[in-house]
mmCIF file of all heavy atoms, coordinates in Angstrom:
data_MODEL
# 
_entry.id   MODEL 
# 
loop_
_atom_site.group_PDB 
_atom_site.id 
_atom_site.type_symbol 
_atom_site.label_atom_id 
_atom_site.label_alt_id 
_atom_site.label_comp_id 
_atom_site.label_asym_id 
_atom_site.label_entity_id 
_atom_site.label_seq_id 
_atom_site.pdbx_PDB_ins_code 
_atom_site.Cartn_x 
_atom_site.Cartn_y 
_atom_site.Cartn_z 
_atom_site.occupancy 
_atom_site.B_iso_or_equiv 
_atom_site.pdbx_formal_charge 
_atom_site.auth_seq_id 
_atom_site.auth_comp_id 
_atom_site.auth_asym_id 
_atom_site.auth_atom_id 
_atom_site.pdbx_PDB_model_num 
ATOM 1   N N   . LEU A 1 1  ? 5.184  6.747  -15.004 1.00 0.00 ? 1  LEU A N   1 
ATOM 2   C CA  . LEU A 1 1  ? 4.115  7.322  -14.203 1.00 0.00 ? 1  LEU A CA  1 
ATOM 3   C C   . LEU A 1 1  ? 2.949  6.345  -14.055 1.00 0.00 ? 1  LEU A C   1 
ATOM 4   O O   . LEU A 1 1  ? 2.102  6.514  -13.189 1.00 0.00 ? 1  LEU A O   1 
ATOM 5   C CB  . LEU A 1 1  ? 3.622  8.620  -14.834 1.00 0.00 ? 1  LEU A CB  1 
ATOM 6   C CG  . LEU A 1 1  ? 4.642  9.751  -14.874 1.00 0.00 ? 1  LEU A CG  1 
ATOM 7   C CD1 . LEU A 1 1  ? 4.061  10.949 -15.613 1.00 0.00 ? 1  LEU A CD1 1 
ATOM 8   C CD2 . LEU A 1 1  ? 5.073  10.153 -13.486 1.00 0.00 ? 1  LEU A CD2 1 
ATOM 9   N N   . LEU A 1 2  ? 2.875  5.346  -14.932 1.00 0.00 ? 2  LEU A N   1 
ATOM 10  C CA  . LEU A 1 2  ? 1.756  4.408  -14.901 1.00 0.00 ? 2  LEU A CA  1 
ATOM 11  C C   . LEU A 1 2  ? 2.037  3.177  -14.053 1.00 0.00 ? 2  LEU A C   1 
ATOM 12  O O   . LEU A 1 2  ? 1.111  2.568  -13.523 1.00 0.00 ? 2  LEU A O   1 
ATOM 13  C CB  . LEU A 1 2  ? 1.398  3.975  -16.333 1.00 0.00 ? 2  LEU A CB  1 
ATOM 14  C CG  . LEU A 1 2  ? 1.032  5.118  -17.286 1.00 0.00 ? 2  LEU A CG  1 
ATOM 15  C CD1 . LEU A 1 2  ? 0.817  4.567  -18.693 1.00 0.00 ? 2  LEU A CD1 1 
ATOM 16  C CD2 . LEU A 1 2  ? -0.197 5.843  -16.795 1.00 0.00 ? 2  LEU A CD2 1 
ATOM 17  N N   . LEU A 1 3  ? 3.324  2.795  -13.904 1.00 0.00 ? 3  LEU A N   1 
ATOM 18  C CA  . LEU A 1 3  ? 3.688  1.594  -13.154 1.00 0.00 ? 3  LEU A CA  1 
ATOM 19  C C   . LEU A 1 3  ? 4.560  1.964  -11.972 1.00 0.00 ? 3  LEU A C   1 
ATOM 20  O O   . LEU A 1 3  ? 5.354  2.904  -12.035 1.00 0.00 ? 3  LEU A O   1 
ATOM 21  C CB  . LEU A 1 3  ? 4.434  0.609  -14.061 1.00 0.00 ? 3  LEU A CB  1 
ATOM 22  C CG  . LEU A 1 3  ? 3.713  0.146  -15.331 1.00 0.00 ? 3  LEU A CG  1 
ATOM 23  C CD1 . LEU A 1 3  ? 4.631  -0.706 -16.162 1.00 0.00 ? 3  LEU A CD1 1 
ATOM 24  C CD2 . LEU A 1 3  ? 2.452  -0.605 -14.975 1.00 0.00 ? 3  LEU A CD2 1 
ATOM 25  N N   . ASN A 1 4  ? 4.448  1.182  -10.885 1.00 0.00 ? 4  ASN A N   1 
ATOM 26  C CA  . ASN A 1 4  ? 5.302  1.410  -9.728  1.00 0.00 ? 4  ASN A CA  1 
ATOM 27  C C   . ASN A 1 4  ? 6.620  0.655  -9.901  1.00 0.00 ? 4  ASN A C   1 
ATOM 28  O O   . ASN A 1 4  ? 6.871  0.054  -10.947 1.00 0.00 ? 4  ASN A O   1 
ATOM 29  C CB  . ASN A 1 4  ? 4.582  1.034  -8.429  1.00 0.00 ? 4  ASN A CB  1 
ATOM 30  C CG  . ASN A 1 4  ? 4.227  -0.446 -8.358  1.00 0.00 ? 4  ASN A CG  1 
ATOM 31  O OD1 . ASN A 1 4  ? 4.723  -1.265 -9.131  1.00 0.00 ? 4  ASN A OD1 1 
ATOM 32  N ND2 . ASN A 1 4  ? 3.365  -0.776 -7.422  1.00 0.00 ? 4  ASN A ND2 1 
ATOM 33  N N   . ALA A 1 5  ? 7.480  0.643  -8.865  1.00 0.00 ? 5  ALA A N   1 
ATOM 34  C CA  . ALA A 1 5  ? 8.791  0.009  -8.960  1.00 0.00 ? 5  ALA A CA  1 
ATOM 35  C C   . ALA A 1 5  ? 8.694  -1.502 -9.168  1.00 0.00 ? 5  ALA A C   1 
ATOM 36  O O   . ALA A 1 5  ? 9.608  -2.117 -9.715  1.00 0.00 ? 5  ALA A O   1 
ATOM 37  C CB  . ALA A 1 5  ? 9.607  0.312  -7.709  1.00 0.00 ? 5  ALA A CB  1 
ATOM 38  N N   . ALA A 1 6  ? 7.604  -2.128 -8.751  1.00 0.00 ? 6  ALA A N   1 
ATOM 39  C CA  . ALA A 1 6  ? 7.415  -3.567 -8.918  1.00 0.00 ? 6  ALA A CA  1 
ATOM 40  C C   . ALA A 1 6  ? 6.808  -3.910 -10.280 1.00 0.00 ? 6  ALA A C   1 
ATOM 41  O O   . ALA A 1 6  ? 6.584  -5.077 -10.582 1.00 0.00 ? 6  ALA A O   1 
ATOM 42  C CB  . ALA A 1 6  ? 6.532  -4.116 -7.798  1.00 0.00 ? 6  ALA A CB  1 
ATOM 43  N N   . GLY A 1 7  ? 6.523  -2.912 -11.106 1.00 0.00 ? 7  GLY A N   1 
ATOM 44  C CA  . GLY A 1 7  ? 5.958  -3.148 -12.421 1.00 0.00 ? 7  GLY A CA  1 
ATOM 45  C C   . GLY A 1 7  ? 4.451  -3.315 -12.427 1.00 0.00 ? 7  GLY A C   1 
ATOM 46  O O   . GLY A 1 7  ? 3.867  -3.728 -13.416 1.00 0.00 ? 7  GLY A O   1 
ATOM 47  N N   . GLN A 1 8  ? 3.808  -2.992 -11.308 1.00 0.00 ? 8  GLN A N   1 
ATOM 48  C CA  . GLN A 1 8  ? 2.354  -3.110 -11.208 1.00 0.00 ? 8  GLN A CA  1 
ATOM 49  C C   . GLN A 1 8  ? 1.720  -1.737 -11.432 1.00 0.00 ? 8  GLN A C   1 
ATOM 50  O O   . GLN A 1 8  ? 2.357  -0.709 -11.184 1.00 0.00 ? 8  GLN A O   1 
ATOM 51  C CB  . GLN A 1 8  ? 1.973  -3.650 -9.826  1.00 0.00 ? 8  GLN A CB  1 
ATOM 52  C CG  . GLN A 1 8  ? 2.571  -5.015 -9.555  1.00 0.00 ? 8  GLN A CG  1 
ATOM 53  C CD  . GLN A 1 8  ? 2.512  -5.355 -8.069  1.00 0.00 ? 8  GLN A CD  1 
ATOM 54  O OE1 . GLN A 1 8  ? 2.315  -4.504 -7.230  1.00 0.00 ? 8  GLN A OE1 1 
ATOM 55  N NE2 . GLN A 1 8  ? 2.704  -6.637 -7.775  1.00 0.00 ? 8  GLN A NE2 1 
ATOM 56  N N   . PRO A 1 9  ? 0.468  -1.700 -11.904 1.00 0.00 ? 9  PRO A N   1 
ATOM 57  C CA  . PRO A 1 9  ? -0.195 -0.404 -12.112 1.00 0.00 ? 9  PRO A CA  1 
ATOM 58  C C   . PRO A 1 9  ? -0.304 0.392  -10.808 1.00 0.00 ? 9  PRO A C   1 
ATOM 59  O O   . PRO A 1 9  ? -0.547 -0.175 -9.745  1.00 0.00 ? 9  PRO A O   1 
ATOM 60  C CB  . PRO A 1 9  ? -1.582 -0.790 -12.628 1.00 0.00 ? 9  PRO A CB  1 
ATOM 61  C CG  . PRO A 1 9  ? -1.446 -2.188 -13.117 1.00 0.00 ? 9  PRO A CG  1 
ATOM 62  C CD  . PRO A 1 9  ? -0.356 -2.832 -12.320 1.00 0.00 ? 9  PRO A CD  1 
ATOM 63  N N   . ARG A 1 10 ? -0.081 1.698  -10.903 1.00 0.00 ? 10 ARG A N   1 
ATOM 64  C CA  . ARG A 1 10 ? -0.159 2.565  -9.714  1.00 0.00 ? 10 ARG A CA  1 
ATOM 65  C C   . ARG A 1 10 ? -1.608 2.738  -9.292  1.00 0.00 ? 10 ARG A C   1 
ATOM 66  O O   . ARG A 1 10 ? -2.499 2.826  -10.116 1.00 0.00 ? 10 ARG A O   1 
ATOM 67  C CB  . ARG A 1 10 ? 0.446  3.928  -10.009 1.00 0.00 ? 10 ARG A CB  1 
ATOM 68  C CG  . ARG A 1 10 ? 1.933  3.870  -10.244 1.00 0.00 ? 10 ARG A CG  1 
ATOM 69  C CD  . ARG A 1 10 ? 2.479  5.297  -10.334 1.00 0.00 ? 10 ARG A CD  1 
ATOM 70  N NE  . ARG A 1 10 ? 3.879  5.280  -10.641 1.00 0.00 ? 10 ARG A NE  1 
ATOM 71  C CZ  . ARG A 1 10 ? 4.852  5.235  -9.733  1.00 0.00 ? 10 ARG A CZ  1 
ATOM 72  N NH1 . ARG A 1 10 ? 4.549  5.216  -8.453  1.00 0.00 ? 10 ARG A NH1 1 
ATOM 73  N NH2 . ARG A 1 10 ? 6.113  5.222  -10.097 1.00 0.00 ? 10 ARG A NH2 1 
ATOM 74  N N   . LYS A 1 11 ? -1.817 2.829  -7.980  1.00 0.00 ? 11 LYS A N   1 
ATOM 75  C CA  . LYS A 1 11 ? -3.158 3.021  -7.436  1.00 0.00 ? 11 LYS A CA  1 
ATOM 76  C C   . LYS A 1 11 ? -3.499 4.504  -7.329  1.00 0.00 ? 11 LYS A C   1 
ATOM 77  O O   . LYS A 1 11 ? -4.652 4.873  -7.391  1.00 0.00 ? 11 LYS A O   1 
ATOM 78  C CB  . LYS A 1 11 ? -3.265 2.359  -6.058  1.00 0.00 ? 11 LYS A CB  1 
ATOM 79  C CG  . LYS A 1 11 ? -3.129 0.855  -6.138  1.00 0.00 ? 11 LYS A CG  1 
ATOM 80  C CD  . LYS A 1 11 ? -3.182 0.232  -4.778  1.00 0.00 ? 11 LYS A CD  1 
ATOM 81  C CE  . LYS A 1 11 ? -2.980 -1.271 -4.897  1.00 0.00 ? 11 LYS A CE  1 
ATOM 82  N NZ  . LYS A 1 11 ? -2.842 -1.908 -3.609  1.00 0.00 ? 11 LYS A NZ  1 
ATOM 83  N N   . GLU A 1 12 ? -2.495 5.339  -7.121  1.00 0.00 ? 12 GLU A N   1 
ATOM 84  C CA  . GLU A 1 12 ? -2.741 6.771  -7.018  1.00 0.00 ? 12 GLU A CA  1 
ATOM 85  C C   . GLU A 1 12 ? -1.849 7.527  -7.989  1.00 0.00 ? 12 GLU A C   1 
ATOM 86  O O   . GLU A 1 12 ? -0.857 7.003  -8.474  1.00 0.00 ? 12 GLU A O   1 
ATOM 87  C CB  . GLU A 1 12 ? -2.494 7.266  -5.591  1.00 0.00 ? 12 GLU A CB  1 
ATOM 88  C CG  . GLU A 1 12 ? -1.081 7.124  -5.152  1.00 0.00 ? 12 GLU A CG  1 
ATOM 89  C CD  . GLU A 1 12 ? -0.942 6.277  -3.899  1.00 0.00 ? 12 GLU A CD  1 
ATOM 90  O OE1 . GLU A 1 12 ? -1.907 5.671  -3.447  1.00 0.00 ? 12 GLU A OE1 1 
ATOM 91  O OE2 . GLU A 1 12 ? 0.167  6.230  -3.401  1.00 0.00 ? 12 GLU A OE2 1 
ATOM 92  N N   . LYS A 1 13 ? -2.201 8.768  -8.249  1.00 0.00 ? 13 LYS A N   1 
ATOM 93  C CA  . LYS A 1 13 ? -1.485 9.609  -9.190  1.00 0.00 ? 13 LYS A CA  1 
ATOM 94  C C   . LYS A 1 13 ? -0.140 10.031 -8.597  1.00 0.00 ? 13 LYS A C   1 
ATOM 95  O O   . LYS A 1 13 ? -0.033 10.302 -7.402  1.00 0.00 ? 13 LYS A O   1 
ATOM 96  C CB  . LYS A 1 13 ? -2.341 10.844 -9.502  1.00 0.00 ? 13 LYS A CB  1 
ATOM 97  C CG  . LYS A 1 13 ? -1.791 11.709 -10.583 1.00 0.00 ? 13 LYS A CG  1 
ATOM 98  C CD  . LYS A 1 13 ? -2.744 12.856 -10.873 1.00 0.00 ? 13 LYS A CD  1 
ATOM 99  C CE  . LYS A 1 13 ? -2.151 13.766 -11.920 1.00 0.00 ? 13 LYS A CE  1 
ATOM 100 N NZ  . LYS A 1 13 ? -3.008 14.908 -12.192 1.00 0.00 ? 13 LYS A NZ  1 
ATOM 101 N N   . VAL A 1 14 ? 0.884  10.115 -9.418  1.00 0.00 ? 14 VAL A N   1 
ATOM 102 C CA  . VAL A 1 14 ? 2.208  10.523 -8.975  1.00 0.00 ? 14 VAL A CA  1 
ATOM 103 C C   . VAL A 1 14 ? 2.252  12.036 -8.861  1.00 0.00 ? 14 VAL A C   1 
ATOM 104 O O   . VAL A 1 14 ? 1.876  12.743 -9.790  1.00 0.00 ? 14 VAL A O   1 
ATOM 105 C CB  . VAL A 1 14 ? 3.289  10.041 -9.971  1.00 0.00 ? 14 VAL A CB  1 
ATOM 106 C CG1 . VAL A 1 14 ? 4.659  10.543 -9.552  1.00 0.00 ? 14 VAL A CG1 1 
ATOM 107 C CG2 . VAL A 1 14 ? 3.285  8.540  -10.067 1.00 0.00 ? 14 VAL A CG2 1 
ATOM 108 N N   . ARG A 1 15 ? 2.688  12.524 -7.694  1.00 0.00 ? 15 ARG A N   1 
ATOM 109 C CA  . ARG A 1 15 ? 2.820  13.964 -7.483  1.00 0.00 ? 15 ARG A CA  1 
ATOM 110 C C   . ARG A 1 15 ? 4.248  14.375 -7.795  1.00 0.00 ? 15 ARG A C   1 
ATOM 111 O O   . ARG A 1 15 ? 5.186  13.915 -7.156  1.00 0.00 ? 15 ARG A O   1 
ATOM 112 C CB  . ARG A 1 15 ? 2.486  14.323 -6.045  1.00 0.00 ? 15 ARG A CB  1 
ATOM 113 C CG  . ARG A 1 15 ? 1.015  14.203 -5.734  1.00 0.00 ? 15 ARG A CG  1 
ATOM 114 C CD  . ARG A 1 15 ? 0.695  14.598 -4.323  1.00 0.00 ? 15 ARG A CD  1 
ATOM 115 N NE  . ARG A 1 15 ? 1.555  15.658 -3.837  1.00 0.00 ? 15 ARG A NE  1 
ATOM 116 C CZ  . ARG A 1 15 ? 1.658  16.029 -2.586  1.00 0.00 ? 15 ARG A CZ  1 
ATOM 117 N NH1 . ARG A 1 15 ? 0.950  15.437 -1.670  1.00 0.00 ? 15 ARG A NH1 1 
ATOM 118 N NH2 . ARG A 1 15 ? 2.468  16.995 -2.226  1.00 0.00 ? 15 ARG A NH2 1 
ATOM 119 N N   . LEU A 1 16 ? 4.424  15.226 -8.770  1.00 0.00 ? 16 LEU A N   1 
ATOM 120 C CA  . LEU A 1 16 ? 5.746  15.713 -9.129  1.00 0.00 ? 16 LEU A CA  1 
ATOM 121 C C   . LEU A 1 16 ? 6.149  16.848 -8.194  1.00 0.00 ? 16 LEU A C   1 
ATOM 122 O O   . LEU A 1 16 ? 5.312  17.669 -7.814  1.00 0.00 ? 16 LEU A O   1 
ATOM 123 C CB  . LEU A 1 16 ? 5.762  16.222 -10.568 1.00 0.00 ? 16 LEU A CB  1 
ATOM 124 C CG  . LEU A 1 16 ? 5.614  15.171 -11.659 1.00 0.00 ? 16 LEU A CG  1 
ATOM 125 C CD1 . LEU A 1 16 ? 5.533  15.846 -13.021 1.00 0.00 ? 16 LEU A CD1 1 
ATOM 126 C CD2 . LEU A 1 16 ? 6.769  14.202 -11.633 1.00 0.00 ? 16 LEU A CD2 1 
ATOM 127 N N   . PRO A 1 17 ? 7.434  16.916 -7.820  1.00 0.00 ? 17 PRO A N   1 
ATOM 128 C CA  . PRO A 1 17 ? 7.880  18.042 -7.004  1.00 0.00 ? 17 PRO A CA  1 
ATOM 129 C C   . PRO A 1 17 ? 7.711  19.353 -7.767  1.00 0.00 ? 17 PRO A C   1 
ATOM 130 O O   . PRO A 1 17 ? 7.754  19.376 -8.996  1.00 0.00 ? 17 PRO A O   1 
ATOM 131 C CB  . PRO A 1 17 ? 9.361  17.749 -6.755  1.00 0.00 ? 17 PRO A CB  1 
ATOM 132 C CG  . PRO A 1 17 ? 9.625  16.399 -7.271  1.00 0.00 ? 17 PRO A CG  1 
ATOM 133 C CD  . PRO A 1 17 ? 8.480  15.974 -8.110  1.00 0.00 ? 17 PRO A CD  1 
ATOM 134 N N   . SER A 1 18 ? 7.551  20.439 -7.022  1.00 0.00 ? 18 SER A N   1 
ATOM 135 C CA  . SER A 1 18 ? 7.324  21.735 -7.653  1.00 0.00 ? 18 SER A CA  1 
ATOM 136 C C   . SER A 1 18 ? 8.509  22.164 -8.501  1.00 0.00 ? 18 SER A C   1 
ATOM 137 O O   . SER A 1 18 ? 8.347  22.882 -9.480  1.00 0.00 ? 18 SER A O   1 
ATOM 138 C CB  . SER A 1 18 ? 7.006  22.790 -6.606  1.00 0.00 ? 18 SER A CB  1 
ATOM 139 O OG  . SER A 1 18 ? 8.077  22.878 -5.689  1.00 0.00 ? 18 SER A OG  1 
ATOM 140 N N   . SER A 1 19 ? 9.732  21.713 -8.154  1.00 0.00 ? 19 SER A N   1 
ATOM 141 C CA  . SER A 1 19 ? 10.898 22.082 -8.952  1.00 0.00 ? 19 SER A CA  1 
ATOM 142 C C   . SER A 1 19 ? 10.822 21.497 -10.354 1.00 0.00 ? 19 SER A C   1 
ATOM 143 O O   . SER A 1 19 ? 11.320 22.080 -11.306 1.00 0.00 ? 19 SER A O   1 
ATOM 144 C CB  . SER A 1 19 ? 12.178 21.629 -8.258  1.00 0.00 ? 19 SER A CB  1 
ATOM 145 O OG  . SER A 1 19 ? 12.163 20.226 -8.085  1.00 0.00 ? 19 SER A OG  1 
ATOM 146 N N   . LEU A 1 20 ? 10.186 20.330 -10.504 1.00 0.00 ? 20 LEU A N   1 
ATOM 147 C CA  . LEU A 1 20 ? 10.031 19.725 -11.825 1.00 0.00 ? 20 LEU A CA  1 
ATOM 148 C C   . LEU A 1 20 ? 8.833  20.296 -12.573 1.00 0.00 ? 20 LEU A C   1 
ATOM 149 O O   . LEU A 1 20 ? 8.745  20.184 -13.786 1.00 0.00 ? 20 LEU A O   1 
ATOM 150 C CB  . LEU A 1 20 ? 9.867  18.209 -11.715 1.00 0.00 ? 20 LEU A CB  1 
ATOM 151 C CG  . LEU A 1 20 ? 11.085 17.450 -11.188 1.00 0.00 ? 20 LEU A CG  1 
ATOM 152 C CD1 . LEU A 1 20 ? 10.775 15.972 -11.084 1.00 0.00 ? 20 LEU A CD1 1 
ATOM 153 C CD2 . LEU A 1 20 ? 12.285 17.680 -12.063 1.00 0.00 ? 20 LEU A CD2 1 
ATOM 154 N N   . GLN A 1 21 ? 7.908  20.902 -11.872 1.00 0.00 ? 21 GLN A N   1 
ATOM 155 C CA  . GLN A 1 21 ? 6.741  21.495 -12.506 1.00 0.00 ? 21 GLN A CA  1 
ATOM 156 C C   . GLN A 1 21 ? 7.013  22.907 -13.005 1.00 0.00 ? 21 GLN A C   1 
ATOM 157 O O   . GLN A 1 21 ? 6.167  23.527 -13.619 1.00 0.00 ? 21 GLN A O   1 
ATOM 158 C CB  . GLN A 1 21 ? 5.558  21.534 -11.529 1.00 0.00 ? 21 GLN A CB  1 
ATOM 159 C CG  . GLN A 1 21 ? 5.056  20.163 -11.146 1.00 0.00 ? 21 GLN A CG  1 
ATOM 160 C CD  . GLN A 1 21 ? 3.954  20.246 -10.107 1.00 0.00 ? 21 GLN A CD  1 
ATOM 161 O OE1 . GLN A 1 21 ? 3.622  21.319 -9.612  1.00 0.00 ? 21 GLN A OE1 1 
ATOM 162 N NE2 . GLN A 1 21 ? 3.383  19.116 -9.772  1.00 0.00 ? 21 GLN A NE2 1 
ATOM 163 N N   . GLY A 1 22 ? 8.199  23.444 -12.717 1.00 0.00 ? 22 GLY A N   1 
ATOM 164 C CA  . GLY A 1 22 ? 8.557  24.766 -13.204 1.00 0.00 ? 22 GLY A CA  1 
ATOM 165 C C   . GLY A 1 22 ? 8.116  25.903 -12.317 1.00 0.00 ? 22 GLY A C   1 
ATOM 166 O O   . GLY A 1 22 ? 8.151  27.046 -12.696 1.00 0.00 ? 22 GLY A O   1 
ATOM 167 N N   . ARG A 1 23 ? 7.688  25.606 -11.092 1.00 0.00 ? 23 ARG A N   1 
ATOM 168 C CA  . ARG A 1 23 ? 7.318  26.673 -10.171 1.00 0.00 ? 23 ARG A CA  1 
ATOM 169 C C   . ARG A 1 23 ? 7.952  26.388 -8.823  1.00 0.00 ? 23 ARG A C   1 
ATOM 170 O O   . ARG A 1 23 ? 8.317  25.266 -8.511  1.00 0.00 ? 23 ARG A O   1 
ATOM 171 C CB  . ARG A 1 23 ? 5.810  26.797 -10.042 1.00 0.00 ? 23 ARG A CB  1 
ATOM 172 C CG  . ARG A 1 23 ? 5.138  25.555 -9.527  1.00 0.00 ? 23 ARG A CG  1 
ATOM 173 C CD  . ARG A 1 23 ? 3.621  25.748 -9.471  1.00 0.00 ? 23 ARG A CD  1 
ATOM 174 N NE  . ARG A 1 23 ? 2.988  24.508 -9.110  1.00 0.00 ? 23 ARG A NE  1 
ATOM 175 C CZ  . ARG A 1 23 ? 2.798  24.096 -7.858  1.00 0.00 ? 23 ARG A CZ  1 
ATOM 176 N NH1 . ARG A 1 23 ? 3.186  24.830 -6.851  1.00 0.00 ? 23 ARG A NH1 1 
ATOM 177 N NH2 . ARG A 1 23 ? 2.213  22.940 -7.614  1.00 0.00 ? 23 ARG A NH2 1 
ATOM 178 N N   . LYS A 1 24 ? 8.080  27.427 -8.022  1.00 0.00 ? 24 LYS A N   1 
ATOM 179 C CA  . LYS A 1 24 ? 8.692  27.262 -6.717  1.00 0.00 ? 24 LYS A CA  1 
ATOM 180 C C   . LYS A 1 24 ? 7.659  27.517 -5.643  1.00 0.00 ? 24 LYS A C   1 
ATOM 181 O O   . LYS A 1 24 ? 6.853  28.437 -5.759  1.00 0.00 ? 24 LYS A O   1 
ATOM 182 C CB  . LYS A 1 24 ? 9.848  28.239 -6.548  1.00 0.00 ? 24 LYS A CB  1 
ATOM 183 C CG  . LYS A 1 24 ? 11.023 27.901 -7.419  1.00 0.00 ? 24 LYS A CG  1 
ATOM 184 C CD  . LYS A 1 24 ? 12.281 28.495 -6.875  1.00 0.00 ? 24 LYS A CD  1 
ATOM 185 C CE  . LYS A 1 24 ? 12.559 29.821 -7.490  1.00 0.00 ? 24 LYS A CE  1 
ATOM 186 N NZ  . LYS A 1 24 ? 13.784 30.419 -7.063  1.00 0.00 ? 24 LYS A NZ  1 
ATOM 187 N N   . PRO A 1 25 ? 7.674  26.709 -4.578  1.00 0.00 ? 25 PRO A N   1 
ATOM 188 C CA  . PRO A 1 25 ? 6.736  26.954 -3.493  1.00 0.00 ? 25 PRO A CA  1 
ATOM 189 C C   . PRO A 1 25 ? 7.134  28.197 -2.700  1.00 0.00 ? 25 PRO A C   1 
ATOM 190 O O   . PRO A 1 25 ? 8.308  28.529 -2.609  1.00 0.00 ? 25 PRO A O   1 
ATOM 191 C CB  . PRO A 1 25 ? 6.858  25.698 -2.632  1.00 0.00 ? 25 PRO A CB  1 
ATOM 192 C CG  . PRO A 1 25 ? 8.226  25.184 -2.908  1.00 0.00 ? 25 PRO A CG  1 
ATOM 193 C CD  . PRO A 1 25 ? 8.534  25.567 -4.335  1.00 0.00 ? 25 PRO A CD  1 
# 
Protein backbone atom coordinates (compact mmCIF):
# COMPACT_ATOMS: atom_id res chain seq x y z
CA LEU A 1 0.00 0.00 0.00
CA LEU A 2 3.00 2.30 0.48
CA LEU A 3 4.83 1.65 -2.83
CA ASN A 4 3.59 1.55 -6.41
CA ALA A 5 4.48 -1.11 -9.03
CA ALA A 6 7.77 0.69 -9.83
CA GLY A 7 8.83 0.57 -6.16
CA GLN A 8 8.39 4.32 -5.64
CA PRO A 9 6.34 5.88 -2.81
CA ARG A 10 2.66 6.34 -3.70
CA LYS A 11 1.40 9.89 -4.16
CA GLU A 12 -2.21 9.12 -3.28
CA LYS A 13 -3.97 6.71 -0.95
CA VAL A 14 -4.98 3.31 -2.33
CA ARG A 15 -8.75 2.83 -2.54
CA LEU A 16 -9.76 -0.73 -1.74
CA PRO A 17 -12.80 -2.18 -3.53
CA SER A 18 -15.90 -2.48 -1.37
CA SER A 19 -15.79 -6.28 -1.67
CA LEU A 20 -12.45 -6.27 0.19
CA GLN A 21 -13.72 -3.82 2.80
CA GLY A 22 -16.48 -6.22 3.84
CA ARG A 23 -19.41 -4.19 2.56
CA LYS A 24 -21.37 -4.17 -0.66
CA PRO A 25 -22.34 -1.08 -2.62
